[in-house]
């Protein structure tokens, strides 16, 4: 599955597996470097998904001093 199509949960699970493998210290150097790079990309992907979710959750309309839910069709 392409990283851009992965859900947050899928990407986080893969990232956790990579971190665990790197922490074990049993990987050959070349494989560890590849996993590190993949992990870095996964972390960036997760960060972007979190930032996108935060934008949706924090965008509100102020009506009479009260916050109203964001209308995603705007």
PDB file of N, CA and C in Angstrom:
ATOM      1  N   UNK A   1       0.846  -1.180   0.000  1.00  0.00           N
ATOM      2  CA  UNK A   1       0.000   0.000   0.000  1.00  0.00           C
ATOM      3  C   UNK A   1       0.890   1.240   0.000  1.00  0.00           C
ATOM      4  N   UNK A   2       0.540   2.185  -0.871  1.00  0.00           N
ATOM      5  CA  UNK A   2       1.312   3.422  -0.913  1.00  0.00           C
ATOM      6  C   UNK A   2       1.082   4.210   0.366  1.00  0.00           C
ATOM      7  N   UNK A   3       2.139   4.848   0.826  1.00  0.00           N
ATOM      8  CA  UNK A   3       2.067   5.574   2.088  1.00  0.00           C
ATOM      9  C   UNK A   3       0.981   6.644   2.060  1.00  0.00           C
ATOM     10  N   UNK A   4       0.818   7.327   0.934  1.00  0.00           N
ATOM     11  CA  UNK A   4      -0.175   8.397   0.864  1.00  0.00           C
ATOM     12  C   UNK A   4      -1.599   7.875   1.013  1.00  0.00           C
ATOM     13  N   UNK A   5      -1.805   6.594   0.803  1.00  0.00           N
ATOM     14  CA  UNK A   5      -3.133   5.988   0.937  1.00  0.00           C
ATOM     15  C   UNK A   5      -3.342   5.370   2.319  1.00  0.00           C
ATOM     16  N   UNK A   6      -2.287   5.260   3.107  1.00  0.00           N
ATOM     17  CA  UNK A   6      -2.395   4.626   4.421  1.00  0.00           C
ATOM     18  C   UNK A   6      -3.159   5.511   5.390  1.00  0.00           C
ATOM     19  N   UNK A   7      -3.993   4.867   6.187  1.00  0.00           N
ATOM     20  CA  UNK A   7      -4.660   5.595   7.263  1.00  0.00           C
ATOM     21  C   UNK A   7      -3.620   5.899   8.342  1.00  0.00           C
ATOM     22  N   UNK A   8      -3.987   6.780   9.240  1.00  0.00           N
ATOM     23  CA  UNK A   8      -3.100   7.104  10.351  1.00  0.00           C
ATOM     24  C   UNK A   8      -2.756   5.845  11.140  1.00  0.00           C
ATOM     25  N   UNK A   9      -3.782   5.043  11.422  1.00  0.00           N
ATOM     26  CA  UNK A   9      -3.585   3.837  12.233  1.00  0.00           C
ATOM     27  C   UNK A   9      -2.655   2.836  11.547  1.00  0.00           C
ATOM     28  N   UNK A  10      -2.810   2.669  10.236  1.00  0.00           N
ATOM     29  CA  UNK A  10      -1.945   1.741   9.493  1.00  0.00           C
ATOM     30  C   UNK A  10      -0.499   2.226   9.493  1.00  0.00           C
ATOM     31  N   UNK A  11      -0.322   3.515   9.229  1.00  0.00           N
ATOM     32  CA  UNK A  11       1.023   4.087   9.191  1.00  0.00           C
ATOM     33  C   UNK A  11       1.684   4.019  10.561  1.00  0.00           C
ATOM     34  N   UNK A  12       0.922   4.311  11.607  1.00  0.00           N
ATOM     35  CA  UNK A  12       1.472   4.266  12.961  1.00  0.00           C
ATOM     36  C   UNK A  12       1.881   2.845  13.335  1.00  0.00           C
ATOM     37  N   UNK A  13       1.068   1.874  12.973  1.00  0.00           N
ATOM     38  CA  UNK A  13       1.395   0.474  13.267  1.00  0.00           C
ATOM     39  C   UNK A  13       2.695   0.067  12.568  1.00  0.00           C
ATOM     40  N   UNK A  14       2.841   0.456  11.305  1.00  0.00           N
ATOM     41  CA  UNK A  14       4.069   0.145  10.565  1.00  0.00           C
ATOM     42  C   UNK A  14       5.266   0.866  11.180  1.00  0.00           C
ATOM     43  N   UNK A  15       5.077   2.117  11.564  1.00  0.00           N
ATOM     44  CA  UNK A  15       6.148   2.886  12.197  1.00  0.00           C
ATOM     45  C   UNK A  15       6.578   2.246  13.512  1.00  0.00           C
ATOM     46  N   UNK A  16       5.625   1.798  14.307  1.00  0.00           N
ATOM     47  CA  UNK A  16       5.951   1.137  15.576  1.00  0.00           C
ATOM     48  C   UNK A  16       6.751  -0.139  15.342  1.00  0.00           C
ATOM     49  N   UNK A  17       6.422  -0.897  14.295  1.00  0.00           N
ATOM     50  CA  UNK A  17       7.165  -2.118  13.979  1.00  0.00           C
ATOM     51  C   UNK A  17       8.600  -1.785  13.577  1.00  0.00           C
ATOM     52  N   UNK A  18       8.774  -0.707  12.826  1.00  0.00           N
ATOM     53  CA  UNK A  18      10.115  -0.289  12.413  1.00  0.00           C
ATOM     54  C   UNK A  18      10.928   0.151  13.624  1.00  0.00           C
ATOM     55  N   UNK A  19      10.329   0.936  14.486  1.00  0.00           N
ATOM     56  CA  UNK A  19      11.026   1.393  15.698  1.00  0.00           C
ATOM     57  C   UNK A  19      11.461   0.195  16.532  1.00  0.00           C
ATOM     58  N   UNK A  20      10.579  -0.765  16.682  1.00  0.00           N
ATOM     59  CA  UNK A  20      10.899  -1.964  17.454  1.00  0.00           C
ATOM     60  C   UNK A  20      12.077  -2.717  16.838  1.00  0.00           C
ATOM     61  N   UNK A  21      12.060  -2.879  15.517  1.00  0.00           N
ATOM     62  CA  UNK A  21      13.148  -3.582  14.831  1.00  0.00           C
ATOM     63  C   UNK A  21      14.466  -2.831  14.989  1.00  0.00           C
ATOM     64  N   UNK A  22      14.422  -1.508  14.898  1.00  0.00           N
ATOM     65  CA  UNK A  22      15.643  -0.718  15.055  1.00  0.00           C
ATOM     66  C   UNK A  22      16.155  -0.767  16.491  1.00  0.00           C
ATOM     67  N   UNK A  23      15.253  -0.760  17.452  1.00  0.00           N
ATOM     68  CA  UNK A  23      15.660  -0.817  18.856  1.00  0.00           C
ATOM     69  C   UNK A  23      16.282  -2.162  19.214  1.00  0.00           C
ATOM     70  N   UNK A  24      15.854  -3.224  18.537  1.00  0.00           N
ATOM     71  CA  UNK A  24      16.433  -4.544  18.794  1.00  0.00           C
ATOM     72  C   UNK A  24      17.917  -4.583  18.453  1.00  0.00           C
ATOM     73  N   UNK A  25      18.326  -3.765  17.489  1.00  0.00           N
ATOM     74  CA  UNK A  25      19.738  -3.688  17.131  1.00  0.00           C
ATOM     75  C   UNK A  25      20.277  -4.894  16.390  1.00  0.00           C
ATOM     76  N   UNK A  26      19.415  -5.726  15.842  1.00  0.00           N
ATOM     77  CA  UNK A  26      19.849  -6.947  15.164  1.00  0.00           C
ATOM     78  C   UNK A  26      19.917  -6.804  13.646  1.00  0.00           C
ATOM     79  N   UNK A  27      19.489  -5.678  13.106  1.00  0.00           N
ATOM     80  CA  UNK A  27      19.457  -5.502  11.658  1.00  0.00           C
ATOM     81  C   UNK A  27      20.841  -5.171  11.113  1.00  0.00           C
ATOM     82  N   UNK A  28      21.157  -5.680   9.921  1.00  0.00           N
ATOM     83  CA  UNK A  28      22.386  -5.238   9.257  1.00  0.00           C
ATOM     84  C   UNK A  28      22.284  -3.733   8.975  1.00  0.00           C
ATOM     85  N   UNK A  29      23.404  -3.072   8.898  1.00  0.00           N
ATOM     86  CA  UNK A  29      23.438  -1.618   8.752  1.00  0.00           C
ATOM     87  C   UNK A  29      22.610  -1.133   7.566  1.00  0.00           C
ATOM     88  N   UNK A  30      22.789  -1.742   6.414  1.00  0.00           N
ATOM     89  CA  UNK A  30      22.081  -1.297   5.211  1.00  0.00           C
ATOM     90  C   UNK A  30      20.561  -1.391   5.392  1.00  0.00           C
ATOM     91  N   UNK A  31      20.096  -2.485   5.963  1.00  0.00           N
ATOM     92  CA  UNK A  31      18.663  -2.655   6.205  1.00  0.00           C
ATOM     93  C   UNK A  31      18.168  -1.662   7.258  1.00  0.00           C
ATOM     94  N   UNK A  32      18.970  -1.423   8.272  1.00  0.00           N
ATOM     95  CA  UNK A  32      18.593  -0.466   9.316  1.00  0.00           C
ATOM     96  C   UNK A  32      18.439   0.938   8.733  1.00  0.00           C
ATOM     97  N   UNK A  33      19.339   1.311   7.836  1.00  0.00           N
ATOM     98  CA  UNK A  33      19.263   2.630   7.206  1.00  0.00           C
ATOM     99  C   UNK A  33      17.995   2.742   6.359  1.00  0.00           C
ATOM    100  N   UNK A  34      17.675   1.686   5.607  1.00  0.00           N
ATOM    101  CA  UNK A  34      16.451   1.690   4.794  1.00  0.00           C
ATOM    102  C   UNK A  34      15.212   1.800   5.681  1.00  0.00           C
ATOM    103  N   UNK A  35      15.198   1.046   6.768  1.00  0.00           N
ATOM    104  CA  UNK A  35      14.052   1.089   7.684  1.00  0.00           C
ATOM    105  C   UNK A  35      13.950   2.461   8.353  1.00  0.00           C
ATOM    106  N   UNK A  36      15.087   3.044   8.683  1.00  0.00           N
ATOM    107  CA  UNK A  36      15.084   4.373   9.280  1.00  0.00           C
ATOM    108  C   UNK A  36      14.439   5.378   8.325  1.00  0.00           C
ATOM    109  N   UNK A  37      14.830   5.333   7.054  1.00  0.00           N
ATOM    110  CA  UNK A  37      14.277   6.257   6.058  1.00  0.00           C
ATOM    111  C   UNK A  37      12.773   6.035   5.893  1.00  0.00           C
ATOM    112  N   UNK A  38      12.358   4.787   5.830  1.00  0.00           N
ATOM    113  CA  UNK A  38      10.927   4.483   5.734  1.00  0.00           C
ATOM    114  C   UNK A  38      10.200   5.002   6.973  1.00  0.00           C
ATOM    115  N   UNK A  39      10.795   4.804   8.127  1.00  0.00           N
ATOM    116  CA  UNK A  39      10.204   5.291   9.369  1.00  0.00           C
ATOM    117  C   UNK A  39      10.077   6.801   9.394  1.00  0.00           C
ATOM    118  N   UNK A  40      11.081   7.483   8.886  1.00  0.00           N
ATOM    119  CA  UNK A  40      11.040   8.946   8.818  1.00  0.00           C
ATOM    120  C   UNK A  40       9.892   9.401   7.917  1.00  0.00           C
ATOM    121  N   UNK A  41       9.725   8.726   6.788  1.00  0.00           N
ATOM    122  CA  UNK A  41       8.633   9.070   5.871  1.00  0.00           C
ATOM    123  C   UNK A  41       7.270   8.783   6.507  1.00  0.00           C
ATOM    124  N   UNK A  42       7.178   7.676   7.214  1.00  0.00           N
ATOM    125  CA  UNK A  42       5.928   7.343   7.906  1.00  0.00           C
ATOM    126  C   UNK A  42       5.604   8.376   8.982  1.00  0.00           C
ATOM    127  N   UNK A  43       6.625   8.807   9.712  1.00  0.00           N
ATOM    128  CA  UNK A  43       6.419   9.817  10.755  1.00  0.00           C
ATOM    129  C   UNK A  43       5.918  11.123  10.136  1.00  0.00           C
ATOM    130  N   UNK A  44       6.483  11.512   8.997  1.00  0.00           N
ATOM    131  CA  UNK A  44       6.036  12.722   8.309  1.00  0.00           C
ATOM    132  C   UNK A  44       4.592  12.567   7.835  1.00  0.00           C
ATOM    133  N   UNK A  45       4.262  11.383   7.314  1.00  0.00           N
ATOM    134  CA  UNK A  45       2.899  11.100   6.852  1.00  0.00           C
ATOM    135  C   UNK A  45       1.917  11.196   8.026  1.00  0.00           C
ATOM    136  N   UNK A  46       2.266  10.590   9.146  1.00  0.00           N
ATOM    137  CA  UNK A  46       1.406  10.651  10.336  1.00  0.00           C
ATOM    138  C   UNK A  46       1.240  12.092  10.807  1.00  0.00           C
ATOM    139  N   UNK A  47       2.318  12.852  10.808  1.00  0.00           N
ATOM    140  CA  UNK A  47       2.261  14.249  11.236  1.00  0.00           C
ATOM    141  C   UNK A  47       1.323  15.046  10.338  1.00  0.00           C
ATOM    142  N   UNK A  48       1.404  14.825   9.026  1.00  0.00           N
ATOM    143  CA  UNK A  48       0.527  15.532   8.093  1.00  0.00           C
ATOM    144  C   UNK A  48      -0.932  15.163   8.337  1.00  0.00           C
ATOM    145  N   UNK A  49      -1.200  13.877   8.551  1.00  0.00           N
ATOM    146  CA  UNK A  49      -2.575  13.454   8.822  1.00  0.00           C
ATOM    147  C   UNK A  49      -3.105  14.094  10.102  1.00  0.00           C
ATOM    148  N   UNK A  50      -2.264  14.176  11.118  1.00  0.00           N
ATOM    149  CA  UNK A  50      -2.671  14.820  12.372  1.00  0.00           C
ATOM    150  C   UNK A  50      -2.937  16.313  12.169  1.00  0.00           C
ATOM    151  N   UNK A  51      -2.072  16.972  11.409  1.00  0.00           N
ATOM    152  CA  UNK A  51      -2.260  18.397  11.142  1.00  0.00           C
ATOM    153  C   UNK A  51      -3.544  18.641  10.352  1.00  0.00           C
ATOM    154  N   UNK A  52      -3.815  17.781   9.361  1.00  0.00           N
ATOM    155  CA  UNK A  52      -5.044  17.913   8.576  1.00  0.00           C
ATOM    156  C   UNK A  52      -6.274  17.722   9.461  1.00  0.00           C
ATOM    157  N   UNK A  53      -6.228  16.729  10.336  1.00  0.00           N
ATOM    158  CA  UNK A  53      -7.351  16.482  11.243  1.00  0.00           C
ATOM    159  C   UNK A  53      -7.548  17.664  12.185  1.00  0.00           C
ATOM    160  N   UNK A  54      -6.453  18.217  12.670  1.00  0.00           N
ATOM    161  CA  UNK A  54      -6.541  19.366  13.575  1.00  0.00           C
ATOM    162  C   UNK A  54      -7.187  20.561  12.880  1.00  0.00           C
ATOM    163  N   UNK A  55      -6.832  20.791  11.605  1.00  0.00           N
ATOM    164  CA  UNK A  55      -7.428  21.900  10.856  1.00  0.00           C
ATOM    165  C   UNK A  55      -8.938  21.734  10.753  1.00  0.00           C
ATOM    166  N   UNK A  56      -9.377  20.522  10.470  1.00  0.00           N
ATOM    167  CA  UNK A  56     -10.812  20.267  10.355  1.00  0.00           C
ATOM    168  C   UNK A  56     -11.501  20.476  11.698  1.00  0.00           C
ATOM    169  N   UNK A  57     -10.880  19.979  12.759  1.00  0.00           N
ATOM    170  CA  UNK A  57     -11.499  20.064  14.084  1.00  0.00           C
ATOM    171  C   UNK A  57     -11.514  21.471  14.660  1.00  0.00           C
ATOM    172  N   UNK A  58     -10.558  22.296  14.276  1.00  0.00           N
ATOM    173  CA  UNK A  58     -10.476  23.630  14.870  1.00  0.00           C
ATOM    174  C   UNK A  58     -11.134  24.711  14.028  1.00  0.00           C
ATOM    175  N   UNK A  59     -11.497  24.382  12.784  1.00  0.00           N
ATOM    176  CA  UNK A  59     -12.158  25.380  11.938  1.00  0.00           C
ATOM    177  C   UNK A  59     -13.623  25.469  12.358  1.00  0.00           C
ATOM    178  N   UNK A  60     -13.993  26.594  12.860  1.00  0.00           N
ATOM    179  CA  UNK A  60     -15.367  26.784  13.342  1.00  0.00           C
ATOM    180  C   UNK A  60     -15.923  28.103  12.818  1.00  0.00           C
ATOM    181  N   UNK A  61     -17.207  28.145  12.809  1.00  0.00           N
ATOM    182  CA  UNK A  61     -17.897  29.400  12.483  1.00  0.00           C
ATOM    183  C   UNK A  61     -18.387  29.995  13.793  1.00  0.00           C
ATOM    184  N   UNK A  62     -18.179  31.280  13.957  1.00  0.00           N
ATOM    185  CA  UNK A  62     -18.632  31.941  15.175  1.00  0.00           C
ATOM    186  C   UNK A  62     -19.998  32.572  14.881  1.00  0.00           C
ATOM    187  N   UNK A  63     -20.989  32.098  15.615  1.00  0.00           N
ATOM    188  CA  UNK A  63     -22.348  32.599  15.460  1.00  0.00           C
ATOM    189  C   UNK A  63     -22.847  33.041  16.828  1.00  0.00           C
ATOM    190  N   UNK A  64     -23.134  34.311  16.947  1.00  0.00           N
ATOM    191  CA  UNK A  64     -23.614  34.857  18.223  1.00  0.00           C
ATOM    192  C   UNK A  64     -22.675  34.520  19.374  1.00  0.00           C
ATOM    193  N   UNK A  65     -21.387  34.555  19.096  1.00  0.00           N
ATOM    194  CA  UNK A  65     -20.414  34.283  20.140  1.00  0.00           C
ATOM    195  C   UNK A  65     -20.265  32.824  20.495  1.00  0.00           C
ATOM    196  N   UNK A  66     -20.961  31.947  19.778  1.00  0.00           N
ATOM    197  CA  UNK A  66     -20.857  30.514  20.042  1.00  0.00           C
ATOM    198  C   UNK A  66     -20.160  29.832  18.874  1.00  0.00           C
ATOM    199  N   UNK A  67     -19.446  28.786  19.166  1.00  0.00           N
ATOM    200  CA  UNK A  67     -18.784  28.033  18.116  1.00  0.00           C
ATOM    201  C   UNK A  67     -19.786  27.084  17.479  1.00  0.00           C
ATOM    202  N   UNK A  68     -19.751  27.031  16.155  1.00  0.00           N
ATOM    203  CA  UNK A  68     -20.620  26.120  15.423  1.00  0.00           C
ATOM    204  C   UNK A  68     -19.747  25.092  14.715  1.00  0.00           C
ATOM    205  N   UNK A  69     -20.262  23.904  14.475  1.00  0.00           N
ATOM    206  CA  UNK A  69     -19.469  22.884  13.782  1.00  0.00           C
ATOM    207  C   UNK A  69     -19.049  23.362  12.398  1.00  0.00           C
ATOM    208  N   UNK A  70     -17.909  22.909  11.963  1.00  0.00           N
ATOM    209  CA  UNK A  70     -17.384  23.233  10.649  1.00  0.00           C
ATOM    210  C   UNK A  70     -18.209  22.525   9.588  1.00  0.00           C
ATOM    211  N   UNK A  71     -18.634  23.257   8.567  1.00  0.00           N
ATOM    212  CA  UNK A  71     -19.345  22.661   7.437  1.00  0.00           C
ATOM    213  C   UNK A  71     -18.305  22.307   6.392  1.00  0.00           C
ATOM    214  N   UNK A  72     -18.061  21.026   6.184  1.00  0.00           N
ATOM    215  CA  UNK A  72     -16.980  20.572   5.308  1.00  0.00           C
ATOM    216  C   UNK A  72     -17.218  20.906   3.849  1.00  0.00           C
ATOM    217  N   UNK A  73     -18.386  21.394   3.481  1.00  0.00           N
ATOM    218  CA  UNK A  73     -18.663  21.722   2.093  1.00  0.00           C
ATOM    219  C   UNK A  73     -18.323  23.160   1.744  1.00  0.00           C
ATOM    220  N   UNK A  74     -17.833  23.936   2.682  1.00  0.00           N
ATOM    221  CA  UNK A  74     -17.454  25.323   2.416  1.00  0.00           C
ATOM    222  C   UNK A  74     -16.207  25.378   1.581  1.00  0.00           C
TER     223      UNK A  74
END
